[in-house]
mmCIF file of all heavy atoms, coordinates in Angstrom:
data_MODEL
# 
_entry.id   MODEL 
# 
loop_
_atom_site.group_PDB 
_atom_site.id 
_atom_site.type_symbol 
_atom_site.label_atom_id 
_atom_site.label_alt_id 
_atom_site.label_comp_id 
_atom_site.label_asym_id 
_atom_site.label_entity_id 
_atom_site.label_seq_id 
_atom_site.pdbx_PDB_ins_code 
_atom_site.Cartn_x 
_atom_site.Cartn_y 
_atom_site.Cartn_z 
_atom_site.occupancy 
_atom_site.B_iso_or_equiv 
_atom_site.pdbx_formal_charge 
_atom_site.auth_seq_id 
_atom_site.auth_comp_id 
_atom_site.auth_asym_id 
_atom_site.auth_atom_id 
_atom_site.pdbx_PDB_model_num 
ATOM 1   N N   . THR A 1 1  ? -25.140 80.094 146.550 1.00 0.00 ? 1  THR A N   1 
ATOM 2   C CA  . THR A 1 1  ? -25.237 78.891 145.747 1.00 0.00 ? 1  THR A CA  1 
ATOM 3   C C   . THR A 1 1  ? -23.868 78.209 145.464 1.00 0.00 ? 1  THR A C   1 
ATOM 4   O O   . THR A 1 1  ? -23.826 77.084 145.195 1.00 0.00 ? 1  THR A O   1 
ATOM 5   C CB  . THR A 1 1  ? -26.002 79.253 144.476 1.00 0.00 ? 1  THR A CB  1 
ATOM 6   O OG1 . THR A 1 1  ? -25.161 80.322 143.808 1.00 0.00 ? 1  THR A OG1 1 
ATOM 7   C CG2 . THR A 1 1  ? -27.405 79.705 144.672 1.00 0.00 ? 1  THR A CG2 1 
ATOM 8   N N   . ASN A 1 2  ? -22.865 79.159 145.484 1.00 0.00 ? 2  ASN A N   1 
ATOM 9   C CA  . ASN A 1 2  ? -21.525 78.588 145.251 1.00 0.00 ? 2  ASN A CA  1 
ATOM 10  C C   . ASN A 1 2  ? -20.730 78.728 146.534 1.00 0.00 ? 2  ASN A C   1 
ATOM 11  O O   . ASN A 1 2  ? -20.586 79.753 147.065 1.00 0.00 ? 2  ASN A O   1 
ATOM 12  C CB  . ASN A 1 2  ? -20.820 79.366 144.118 1.00 0.00 ? 2  ASN A CB  1 
ATOM 13  C CG  . ASN A 1 2  ? -19.531 78.764 143.590 1.00 0.00 ? 2  ASN A CG  1 
ATOM 14  O OD1 . ASN A 1 2  ? -18.897 77.999 144.369 1.00 0.00 ? 2  ASN A OD1 1 
ATOM 15  N ND2 . ASN A 1 2  ? -19.186 79.091 142.475 1.00 0.00 ? 2  ASN A ND2 1 
ATOM 16  N N   . ARG A 1 3  ? -20.125 77.700 147.050 1.00 0.00 ? 3  ARG A N   1 
ATOM 17  C CA  . ARG A 1 3  ? -19.461 77.700 148.332 1.00 0.00 ? 3  ARG A CA  1 
ATOM 18  C C   . ARG A 1 3  ? -18.131 78.542 148.174 1.00 0.00 ? 3  ARG A C   1 
ATOM 19  O O   . ARG A 1 3  ? -17.602 78.932 149.192 1.00 0.00 ? 3  ARG A O   1 
ATOM 20  C CB  . ARG A 1 3  ? -19.028 76.279 148.758 1.00 0.00 ? 3  ARG A CB  1 
ATOM 21  C CG  . ARG A 1 3  ? -18.111 75.532 147.845 1.00 0.00 ? 3  ARG A CG  1 
ATOM 22  C CD  . ARG A 1 3  ? -17.989 74.100 148.417 1.00 0.00 ? 3  ARG A CD  1 
ATOM 23  N NE  . ARG A 1 3  ? -17.012 73.338 147.524 1.00 0.00 ? 3  ARG A NE  1 
ATOM 24  C CZ  . ARG A 1 3  ? -15.735 73.204 147.694 1.00 0.00 ? 3  ARG A CZ  1 
ATOM 25  N NH1 . ARG A 1 3  ? -15.141 73.928 148.605 1.00 0.00 ? 3  ARG A NH1 1 
ATOM 26  N NH2 . ARG A 1 3  ? -15.022 72.446 146.860 1.00 0.00 ? 3  ARG A NH2 1 
ATOM 27  N N   . ASN A 1 4  ? -17.743 78.810 146.947 1.00 0.00 ? 4  ASN A N   1 
ATOM 28  C CA  . ASN A 1 4  ? -16.625 79.740 146.823 1.00 0.00 ? 4  ASN A CA  1 
ATOM 29  C C   . ASN A 1 4  ? -16.775 81.127 147.373 1.00 0.00 ? 4  ASN A C   1 
ATOM 30  O O   . ASN A 1 4  ? -15.848 81.857 147.643 1.00 0.00 ? 4  ASN A O   1 
ATOM 31  C CB  . ASN A 1 4  ? -16.158 79.827 145.373 1.00 0.00 ? 4  ASN A CB  1 
ATOM 32  C CG  . ASN A 1 4  ? -15.659 78.524 144.770 1.00 0.00 ? 4  ASN A CG  1 
ATOM 33  O OD1 . ASN A 1 4  ? -15.026 77.744 145.518 1.00 0.00 ? 4  ASN A OD1 1 
ATOM 34  N ND2 . ASN A 1 4  ? -15.897 78.267 143.490 1.00 0.00 ? 4  ASN A ND2 1 
ATOM 35  N N   . ASP A 1 5  ? -18.095 81.493 147.494 1.00 0.00 ? 5  ASP A N   1 
ATOM 36  C CA  . ASP A 1 5  ? -18.374 82.876 148.055 1.00 0.00 ? 5  ASP A CA  1 
ATOM 37  C C   . ASP A 1 5  ? -17.846 82.958 149.482 1.00 0.00 ? 5  ASP A C   1 
ATOM 38  O O   . ASP A 1 5  ? -17.282 84.012 149.908 1.00 0.00 ? 5  ASP A O   1 
ATOM 39  C CB  . ASP A 1 5  ? -19.897 83.023 148.080 1.00 0.00 ? 5  ASP A CB  1 
ATOM 40  C CG  . ASP A 1 5  ? -20.460 83.152 146.732 1.00 0.00 ? 5  ASP A CG  1 
ATOM 41  O OD1 . ASP A 1 5  ? -19.729 83.610 145.858 1.00 0.00 ? 5  ASP A OD1 1 
ATOM 42  O OD2 . ASP A 1 5  ? -21.601 82.832 146.578 1.00 0.00 ? 5  ASP A OD2 1 
ATOM 43  N N   . ILE A 1 6  ? -18.016 81.897 150.333 1.00 0.00 ? 6  ILE A N   1 
ATOM 44  C CA  . ILE A 1 6  ? -17.478 81.841 151.725 1.00 0.00 ? 6  ILE A CA  1 
ATOM 45  C C   . ILE A 1 6  ? -16.007 81.603 151.644 1.00 0.00 ? 6  ILE A C   1 
ATOM 46  O O   . ILE A 1 6  ? -15.256 82.281 152.521 1.00 0.00 ? 6  ILE A O   1 
ATOM 47  C CB  . ILE A 1 6  ? -18.224 80.810 152.439 1.00 0.00 ? 6  ILE A CB  1 
ATOM 48  C CG1 . ILE A 1 6  ? -19.720 81.122 152.529 1.00 0.00 ? 6  ILE A CG1 1 
ATOM 49  C CG2 . ILE A 1 6  ? -17.610 80.801 153.871 1.00 0.00 ? 6  ILE A CG2 1 
ATOM 50  C CD1 . ILE A 1 6  ? -20.020 82.374 153.128 1.00 0.00 ? 6  ILE A CD1 1 
ATOM 51  N N   . LEU A 1 7  ? -15.529 80.763 150.769 1.00 0.00 ? 7  LEU A N   1 
ATOM 52  C CA  . LEU A 1 7  ? -14.048 80.484 150.742 1.00 0.00 ? 7  LEU A CA  1 
ATOM 53  C C   . LEU A 1 7  ? -13.299 81.697 150.415 1.00 0.00 ? 7  LEU A C   1 
ATOM 54  O O   . LEU A 1 7  ? -12.149 81.927 150.863 1.00 0.00 ? 7  LEU A O   1 
ATOM 55  C CB  . LEU A 1 7  ? -13.783 79.320 149.719 1.00 0.00 ? 7  LEU A CB  1 
ATOM 56  C CG  . LEU A 1 7  ? -14.417 77.983 150.134 1.00 0.00 ? 7  LEU A CG  1 
ATOM 57  C CD1 . LEU A 1 7  ? -14.085 76.925 149.104 1.00 0.00 ? 7  LEU A CD1 1 
ATOM 58  C CD2 . LEU A 1 7  ? -13.971 77.509 151.504 1.00 0.00 ? 7  LEU A CD2 1 
ATOM 59  N N   . SER A 1 8  ? -13.868 82.569 149.525 1.00 0.00 ? 8  SER A N   1 
ATOM 60  C CA  . SER A 1 8  ? -13.111 83.775 149.142 1.00 0.00 ? 8  SER A CA  1 
ATOM 61  C C   . SER A 1 8  ? -12.952 84.688 150.322 1.00 0.00 ? 8  SER A C   1 
ATOM 62  O O   . SER A 1 8  ? -11.937 85.383 150.457 1.00 0.00 ? 8  SER A O   1 
ATOM 63  C CB  . SER A 1 8  ? -13.875 84.523 147.964 1.00 0.00 ? 8  SER A CB  1 
ATOM 64  O OG  . SER A 1 8  ? -15.131 84.875 148.443 1.00 0.00 ? 8  SER A OG  1 
ATOM 65  N N   . LEU A 1 9  ? -13.929 84.811 151.163 1.00 0.00 ? 9  LEU A N   1 
ATOM 66  C CA  . LEU A 1 9  ? -13.836 85.624 152.396 1.00 0.00 ? 9  LEU A CA  1 
ATOM 67  C C   . LEU A 1 9  ? -12.729 85.110 153.240 1.00 0.00 ? 9  LEU A C   1 
ATOM 68  O O   . LEU A 1 9  ? -11.962 85.814 153.916 1.00 0.00 ? 9  LEU A O   1 
ATOM 69  C CB  . LEU A 1 9  ? -15.099 85.647 153.071 1.00 0.00 ? 9  LEU A CB  1 
ATOM 70  C CG  . LEU A 1 9  ? -16.349 86.400 152.453 1.00 0.00 ? 9  LEU A CG  1 
ATOM 71  C CD1 . LEU A 1 9  ? -17.574 86.304 153.275 1.00 0.00 ? 9  LEU A CD1 1 
ATOM 72  C CD2 . LEU A 1 9  ? -15.973 87.894 152.148 1.00 0.00 ? 9  LEU A CD2 1 
ATOM 73  N N   . CYS A 1 10 ? -12.700 83.766 153.448 1.00 0.00 ? 10 CYS A N   1 
ATOM 74  C CA  . CYS A 1 10 ? -11.675 83.176 154.298 1.00 0.00 ? 10 CYS A CA  1 
ATOM 75  C C   . CYS A 1 10 ? -10.309 83.425 153.703 1.00 0.00 ? 10 CYS A C   1 
ATOM 76  O O   . CYS A 1 10 ? -9.316  83.656 154.505 1.00 0.00 ? 10 CYS A O   1 
ATOM 77  C CB  . CYS A 1 10 ? -11.888 81.607 154.343 1.00 0.00 ? 10 CYS A CB  1 
ATOM 78  S SG  . CYS A 1 10 ? -13.426 81.161 155.168 1.00 0.00 ? 10 CYS A SG  1 
ATOM 79  N N   . ASP A 1 11 ? -10.139 83.367 152.419 1.00 0.00 ? 11 ASP A N   1 
ATOM 80  C CA  . ASP A 1 11 ? -8.764  83.571 151.806 1.00 0.00 ? 11 ASP A CA  1 
ATOM 81  C C   . ASP A 1 11 ? -8.282  84.948 152.038 1.00 0.00 ? 11 ASP A C   1 
ATOM 82  O O   . ASP A 1 11 ? -7.073  85.190 151.964 1.00 0.00 ? 11 ASP A O   1 
ATOM 83  C CB  . ASP A 1 11 ? -8.833  83.261 150.276 1.00 0.00 ? 11 ASP A CB  1 
ATOM 84  C CG  . ASP A 1 11 ? -9.105  81.805 149.981 1.00 0.00 ? 11 ASP A CG  1 
ATOM 85  O OD1 . ASP A 1 11 ? -8.795  80.975 150.913 1.00 0.00 ? 11 ASP A OD1 1 
ATOM 86  O OD2 . ASP A 1 11 ? -9.597  81.480 148.938 1.00 0.00 ? 11 ASP A OD2 1 
ATOM 87  N N   . MET A 1 12 ? -9.224  85.893 152.328 1.00 0.00 ? 12 MET A N   1 
ATOM 88  C CA  . MET A 1 12 ? -8.780  87.376 152.576 1.00 0.00 ? 12 MET A CA  1 
ATOM 89  C C   . MET A 1 12 ? -8.239  87.507 154.018 1.00 0.00 ? 12 MET A C   1 
ATOM 90  O O   . MET A 1 12 ? -8.028  88.599 154.438 1.00 0.00 ? 12 MET A O   1 
ATOM 91  C CB  . MET A 1 12 ? -9.875  88.291 152.338 1.00 0.00 ? 12 MET A CB  1 
ATOM 92  C CG  . MET A 1 12 ? -10.285 88.394 150.784 1.00 0.00 ? 12 MET A CG  1 
ATOM 93  S SD  . MET A 1 12 ? -11.621 89.536 150.516 1.00 0.00 ? 12 MET A SD  1 
ATOM 94  C CE  . MET A 1 12 ? -10.811 91.038 150.931 1.00 0.00 ? 12 MET A CE  1 
ATOM 95  N N   . GLU A 1 13 ? -8.268  86.425 154.788 1.00 0.00 ? 13 GLU A N   1 
ATOM 96  C CA  . GLU A 1 13 ? -7.762  86.366 156.190 1.00 0.00 ? 13 GLU A CA  1 
ATOM 97  C C   . GLU A 1 13 ? -8.727  87.270 157.065 1.00 0.00 ? 13 GLU A C   1 
ATOM 98  O O   . GLU A 1 13 ? -8.299  87.812 158.013 1.00 0.00 ? 13 GLU A O   1 
ATOM 99  C CB  . GLU A 1 13 ? -6.416  86.878 156.215 1.00 0.00 ? 13 GLU A CB  1 
ATOM 100 C CG  . GLU A 1 13 ? -5.383  86.031 155.485 1.00 0.00 ? 13 GLU A CG  1 
ATOM 101 C CD  . GLU A 1 13 ? -5.252  84.620 156.008 1.00 0.00 ? 13 GLU A CD  1 
ATOM 102 O OE1 . GLU A 1 13 ? -5.478  84.379 157.222 1.00 0.00 ? 13 GLU A OE1 1 
ATOM 103 O OE2 . GLU A 1 13 ? -5.040  83.782 155.176 1.00 0.00 ? 13 GLU A OE2 1 
ATOM 104 N N   . LEU A 1 14 ? -9.998  87.456 156.669 1.00 0.00 ? 14 LEU A N   1 
ATOM 105 C CA  . LEU A 1 14 ? -10.874 88.180 157.476 1.00 0.00 ? 14 LEU A CA  1 
ATOM 106 C C   . LEU A 1 14 ? -11.404 87.463 158.687 1.00 0.00 ? 14 LEU A C   1 
ATOM 107 O O   . LEU A 1 14 ? -11.792 88.007 159.695 1.00 0.00 ? 14 LEU A O   1 
ATOM 108 C CB  . LEU A 1 14 ? -12.085 88.614 156.615 1.00 0.00 ? 14 LEU A CB  1 
ATOM 109 C CG  . LEU A 1 14 ? -11.771 89.550 155.429 1.00 0.00 ? 14 LEU A CG  1 
ATOM 110 C CD1 . LEU A 1 14 ? -13.068 89.880 154.602 1.00 0.00 ? 14 LEU A CD1 1 
ATOM 111 C CD2 . LEU A 1 14 ? -11.205 90.866 155.908 1.00 0.00 ? 14 LEU A CD2 1 
ATOM 112 N N   . PHE A 1 15 ? -11.393 86.069 158.605 1.00 0.00 ? 15 PHE A N   1 
ATOM 113 C CA  . PHE A 1 15 ? -11.948 85.325 159.654 1.00 0.00 ? 15 PHE A CA  1 
ATOM 114 C C   . PHE A 1 15 ? -10.842 85.059 160.824 1.00 0.00 ? 15 PHE A C   1 
ATOM 115 O O   . PHE A 1 15 ? -11.174 84.273 161.777 1.00 0.00 ? 15 PHE A O   1 
ATOM 116 C CB  . PHE A 1 15 ? -12.473 83.966 159.155 1.00 0.00 ? 15 PHE A CB  1 
ATOM 117 C CG  . PHE A 1 15 ? -13.849 84.197 158.450 1.00 0.00 ? 15 PHE A CG  1 
ATOM 118 C CD1 . PHE A 1 15 ? -14.299 85.333 158.092 1.00 0.00 ? 15 PHE A CD1 1 
ATOM 119 C CD2 . PHE A 1 15 ? -14.563 83.042 158.135 1.00 0.00 ? 15 PHE A CD2 1 
ATOM 120 C CE1 . PHE A 1 15 ? -15.514 85.526 157.420 1.00 0.00 ? 15 PHE A CE1 1 
ATOM 121 C CE2 . PHE A 1 15 ? -15.791 83.120 157.391 1.00 0.00 ? 15 PHE A CE2 1 
ATOM 122 C CZ  . PHE A 1 15 ? -16.253 84.378 157.113 1.00 0.00 ? 15 PHE A CZ  1 
ATOM 123 N N   . LYS A 1 16 ? -9.659  85.501 160.636 1.00 0.00 ? 16 LYS A N   1 
ATOM 124 C CA  . LYS A 1 16 ? -8.658  85.248 161.621 1.00 0.00 ? 16 LYS A CA  1 
ATOM 125 C C   . LYS A 1 16 ? -9.039  85.866 162.925 1.00 0.00 ? 16 LYS A C   1 
ATOM 126 O O   . LYS A 1 16 ? -8.482  85.514 163.956 1.00 0.00 ? 16 LYS A O   1 
ATOM 127 C CB  . LYS A 1 16 ? -7.285  85.695 161.098 1.00 0.00 ? 16 LYS A CB  1 
ATOM 128 C CG  . LYS A 1 16 ? -7.157  87.145 160.891 1.00 0.00 ? 16 LYS A CG  1 
ATOM 129 C CD  . LYS A 1 16 ? -5.783  87.523 160.396 1.00 0.00 ? 16 LYS A CD  1 
ATOM 130 C CE  . LYS A 1 16 ? -5.572  88.982 160.174 1.00 0.00 ? 16 LYS A CE  1 
ATOM 131 N NZ  . LYS A 1 16 ? -4.268  89.351 159.688 1.00 0.00 ? 16 LYS A NZ  1 
ATOM 132 N N   . HIS A 1 17 ? -9.857  86.901 162.923 1.00 0.00 ? 17 HIS A N   1 
ATOM 133 C CA  . HIS A 1 17 ? -10.323 87.527 164.209 1.00 0.00 ? 17 HIS A CA  1 
ATOM 134 C C   . HIS A 1 17 ? -11.555 86.975 164.729 1.00 0.00 ? 17 HIS A C   1 
ATOM 135 O O   . HIS A 1 17 ? -12.003 87.400 165.730 1.00 0.00 ? 17 HIS A O   1 
ATOM 136 C CB  . HIS A 1 17 ? -10.450 89.102 163.906 1.00 0.00 ? 17 HIS A CB  1 
ATOM 137 C CG  . HIS A 1 17 ? -9.222  89.769 163.313 1.00 0.00 ? 17 HIS A CG  1 
ATOM 138 N ND1 . HIS A 1 17 ? -8.170  89.951 164.030 1.00 0.00 ? 17 HIS A ND1 1 
ATOM 139 C CD2 . HIS A 1 17 ? -9.149  90.253 162.111 1.00 0.00 ? 17 HIS A CD2 1 
ATOM 140 C CE1 . HIS A 1 17 ? -7.233  90.584 163.266 1.00 0.00 ? 17 HIS A CE1 1 
ATOM 141 N NE2 . HIS A 1 17 ? -7.793  90.755 162.041 1.00 0.00 ? 17 HIS A NE2 1 
ATOM 142 N N   . THR A 1 18 ? -12.201 86.054 164.038 1.00 0.00 ? 18 THR A N   1 
ATOM 143 C CA  . THR A 1 18 ? -13.540 85.503 164.383 1.00 0.00 ? 18 THR A CA  1 
ATOM 144 C C   . THR A 1 18 ? -13.428 84.646 165.665 1.00 0.00 ? 18 THR A C   1 
ATOM 145 O O   . THR A 1 18 ? -12.621 83.745 165.686 1.00 0.00 ? 18 THR A O   1 
ATOM 146 C CB  . THR A 1 18 ? -14.139 84.751 163.238 1.00 0.00 ? 18 THR A CB  1 
ATOM 147 O OG1 . THR A 1 18 ? -14.206 85.614 162.094 1.00 0.00 ? 18 THR A OG1 1 
ATOM 148 C CG2 . THR A 1 18 ? -15.451 84.180 163.599 1.00 0.00 ? 18 THR A CG2 1 
ATOM 149 N N   . THR A 1 19 ? -14.250 84.948 166.614 1.00 0.00 ? 19 THR A N   1 
ATOM 150 C CA  . THR A 1 19 ? -14.358 84.112 167.816 1.00 0.00 ? 19 THR A CA  1 
ATOM 151 C C   . THR A 1 19 ? -15.629 83.345 167.891 1.00 0.00 ? 19 THR A C   1 
ATOM 152 O O   . THR A 1 19 ? -15.715 82.340 168.625 1.00 0.00 ? 19 THR A O   1 
ATOM 153 C CB  . THR A 1 19 ? -14.166 85.010 169.036 1.00 0.00 ? 19 THR A CB  1 
ATOM 154 O OG1 . THR A 1 19 ? -15.215 85.998 169.084 1.00 0.00 ? 19 THR A OG1 1 
ATOM 155 C CG2 . THR A 1 19 ? -12.824 85.715 169.163 1.00 0.00 ? 19 THR A CG2 1 
ATOM 156 N N   . HIS A 1 20 ? -16.712 83.835 167.245 1.00 0.00 ? 20 HIS A N   1 
ATOM 157 C CA  . HIS A 1 20 ? -17.996 83.202 167.237 1.00 0.00 ? 20 HIS A CA  1 
ATOM 158 C C   . HIS A 1 20 ? -18.550 83.001 165.759 1.00 0.00 ? 20 HIS A C   1 
ATOM 159 O O   . HIS A 1 20 ? -18.626 84.055 165.113 1.00 0.00 ? 20 HIS A O   1 
ATOM 160 C CB  . HIS A 1 20 ? -18.964 83.894 168.116 1.00 0.00 ? 20 HIS A CB  1 
ATOM 161 C CG  . HIS A 1 20 ? -18.608 83.833 169.582 1.00 0.00 ? 20 HIS A CG  1 
ATOM 162 N ND1 . HIS A 1 20 ? -17.704 84.678 170.131 1.00 0.00 ? 20 HIS A ND1 1 
ATOM 163 C CD2 . HIS A 1 20 ? -19.134 83.115 170.583 1.00 0.00 ? 20 HIS A CD2 1 
ATOM 164 C CE1 . HIS A 1 20 ? -17.599 84.438 171.357 1.00 0.00 ? 20 HIS A CE1 1 
ATOM 165 N NE2 . HIS A 1 20 ? -18.490 83.482 171.756 1.00 0.00 ? 20 HIS A NE2 1 
ATOM 166 N N   . LEU A 1 21 ? -18.802 81.808 165.442 1.00 0.00 ? 21 LEU A N   1 
ATOM 167 C CA  . LEU A 1 21 ? -19.291 81.473 164.068 1.00 0.00 ? 21 LEU A CA  1 
ATOM 168 C C   . LEU A 1 21 ? -20.634 80.754 164.086 1.00 0.00 ? 21 LEU A C   1 
ATOM 169 O O   . LEU A 1 21 ? -20.748 79.798 164.852 1.00 0.00 ? 21 LEU A O   1 
ATOM 170 C CB  . LEU A 1 21 ? -18.218 80.709 163.303 1.00 0.00 ? 21 LEU A CB  1 
ATOM 171 C CG  . LEU A 1 21 ? -18.591 80.191 161.927 1.00 0.00 ? 21 LEU A CG  1 
ATOM 172 C CD1 . LEU A 1 21 ? -18.696 81.382 160.892 1.00 0.00 ? 21 LEU A CD1 1 
ATOM 173 C CD2 . LEU A 1 21 ? -17.474 79.174 161.448 1.00 0.00 ? 21 LEU A CD2 1 
ATOM 174 N N   . SER A 1 22 ? -21.571 81.139 163.261 1.00 0.00 ? 22 SER A N   1 
ATOM 175 C CA  . SER A 1 22 ? -22.875 80.450 163.221 1.00 0.00 ? 22 SER A CA  1 
ATOM 176 C C   . SER A 1 22 ? -23.131 79.999 161.768 1.00 0.00 ? 22 SER A C   1 
ATOM 177 O O   . SER A 1 22 ? -23.142 80.831 160.854 1.00 0.00 ? 22 SER A O   1 
ATOM 178 C CB  . SER A 1 22 ? -24.005 81.405 163.673 1.00 0.00 ? 22 SER A CB  1 
ATOM 179 O OG  . SER A 1 22 ? -25.262 80.788 163.549 1.00 0.00 ? 22 SER A OG  1 
ATOM 180 N N   . LEU A 1 23 ? -23.429 78.729 161.656 1.00 0.00 ? 23 LEU A N   1 
ATOM 181 C CA  . LEU A 1 23 ? -23.892 78.123 160.363 1.00 0.00 ? 23 LEU A CA  1 
ATOM 182 C C   . LEU A 1 23 ? -25.326 77.518 160.607 1.00 0.00 ? 23 LEU A C   1 
ATOM 183 O O   . LEU A 1 23 ? -25.724 76.651 159.857 1.00 0.00 ? 23 LEU A O   1 
ATOM 184 C CB  . LEU A 1 23 ? -22.932 77.028 159.872 1.00 0.00 ? 23 LEU A CB  1 
ATOM 185 C CG  . LEU A 1 23 ? -21.436 77.442 159.677 1.00 0.00 ? 23 LEU A CG  1 
ATOM 186 C CD1 . LEU A 1 23 ? -20.586 76.207 159.336 1.00 0.00 ? 23 LEU A CD1 1 
ATOM 187 C CD2 . LEU A 1 23 ? -21.295 78.575 158.682 1.00 0.00 ? 23 LEU A CD2 1 
ATOM 188 N N   . ALA A 1 24 ? -25.974 77.995 161.598 1.00 0.00 ? 24 ALA A N   1 
ATOM 189 C CA  . ALA A 1 24 ? -27.238 77.423 161.984 1.00 0.00 ? 24 ALA A CA  1 
ATOM 190 C C   . ALA A 1 24 ? -28.269 77.406 160.766 1.00 0.00 ? 24 ALA A C   1 
ATOM 191 O O   . ALA A 1 24 ? -28.400 78.422 160.057 1.00 0.00 ? 24 ALA A O   1 
ATOM 192 C CB  . ALA A 1 24 ? -27.827 78.267 163.171 1.00 0.00 ? 24 ALA A CB  1 
ATOM 193 N N   . GLY A 1 25 ? -28.992 76.231 160.689 1.00 0.00 ? 25 GLY A N   1 
ATOM 194 C CA  . GLY A 1 25 ? -29.959 76.204 159.632 1.00 0.00 ? 25 GLY A CA  1 
ATOM 195 C C   . GLY A 1 25 ? -29.481 75.966 158.250 1.00 0.00 ? 25 GLY A C   1 
ATOM 196 O O   . GLY A 1 25 ? -30.279 75.999 157.315 1.00 0.00 ? 25 GLY A O   1 
# 
């Protein structure tokens, strides 16, 4: 419900290894 949930994961630099991302639906 709060987009900060996803942004907080990004701020931890966890997505720097991500090669495939799905926001489908």
